[in-house]
Protein backbone atom coordinates (compact mmCIF):
# COMPACT_ATOMS: atom_id res chain seq x y z
CA MET A 1 0.87 -9.58 -13.16
CA ILE A 2 -1.08 -6.57 -11.97
CA GLN A 3 -3.33 -7.38 -9.03
CA GLN A 4 -7.08 -7.31 -9.69
CA LEU A 5 -8.19 -3.70 -9.56
CA GLU A 6 -11.07 -2.48 -7.47
CA GLN A 7 -13.48 -0.16 -9.31
CA ASP A 8 -12.00 2.95 -7.71
CA GLU A 9 -8.38 1.78 -7.85
CA ASP A 10 -6.27 4.45 -9.53
CA ALA A 11 -2.77 3.13 -8.82
CA PRO A 12 -2.45 -0.58 -9.64
CA CYS A 13 0.27 -2.50 -7.84
CA LEU A 14 2.36 -5.33 -9.20
CA GLY A 15 1.74 -8.67 -7.51
CA LYS A 16 4.29 -10.79 -5.67
CA GLY A 17 6.78 -12.50 -7.94
CA THR A 18 6.52 -9.72 -10.53
CA TYR A 19 9.50 -7.61 -11.49
CA LEU A 20 9.56 -4.15 -13.01
CA GLY A 21 12.31 -3.55 -15.53
CA VAL A 22 14.21 -0.29 -15.40
CA PRO A 23 16.59 1.21 -17.95
CA ARG A 24 20.33 0.79 -17.64
CA ILE A 25 21.85 3.54 -15.53
CA ASP A 26 23.56 5.07 -18.59
CA ARG A 27 20.32 5.38 -20.64
CA ARG A 28 19.55 9.10 -20.58
CA GLU A 29 17.71 9.78 -23.84
CA PRO A 30 15.41 8.03 -26.32
CA PRO A 31 14.89 5.81 -28.19
CA GLY A 32 13.60 3.22 -25.73
CA THR A 33 13.31 3.54 -21.98
CA TYR A 34 15.57 6.07 -20.31
CA TRP A 35 16.02 8.07 -17.11
CA VAL A 36 14.70 11.64 -17.10
CA VAL A 37 16.53 12.08 -13.79
CA PRO A 38 19.12 9.31 -13.49
CA PRO A 39 19.89 7.62 -10.17
CA ARG A 40 22.99 8.86 -8.37
CA ARG A 41 24.50 5.38 -8.48
CA ASP A 42 23.63 1.82 -9.46
CA GLY A 43 20.91 0.46 -7.14
CA ASP A 44 19.88 3.93 -5.90
CA LEU A 45 16.14 3.47 -6.19
CA CYS A 46 13.46 4.37 -3.66
CA ARG A 47 12.24 1.89 -1.08
CA PRO A 48 8.89 0.18 -1.74
CA ALA A 49 7.54 1.46 1.59
CA ALA A 50 8.21 5.04 0.47
CA VAL A 51 6.30 4.45 -2.77
CA ARG A 52 3.37 2.92 -0.83
CA SER A 53 3.31 5.96 1.46
CA LEU A 54 3.32 8.33 -1.50
CA VAL A 55 0.45 6.47 -3.19
CA ALA A 56 -1.52 6.43 0.09
CA ALA A 57 -1.00 10.19 0.54
CA GLY A 58 -2.15 10.84 -3.02
CA ARG A 59 -5.27 8.70 -2.55
CA CYS A 60 -6.07 10.53 0.68
CA GLU A 61 -5.72 13.90 -1.07
CA LEU A 62 -7.96 12.77 -3.94
CA ALA A 63 -10.59 11.52 -1.47
CA GLN A 64 -10.55 14.82 0.43
CA ARG A 65 -10.98 16.78 -2.79
CA ALA A 66 -13.86 14.54 -3.88
CA ASN A 67 -15.64 15.10 -0.53
CA ALA A 68 -15.08 18.88 -0.50
């Protein structure tokens, strides 16, 4: 379940207990979900903290542009 969004929320986050499905590592073309750039190996996904940092940096950049 996606957490309740604030009015200015532009990157919703999945709530605790929610799982995001990803394609099998060998899925590299349509139809269905597939990897545009496949992981190097099974389980080679980015850490949640890195994603949070990226989203925070993007929000900061958008805020700076809006105030410029």
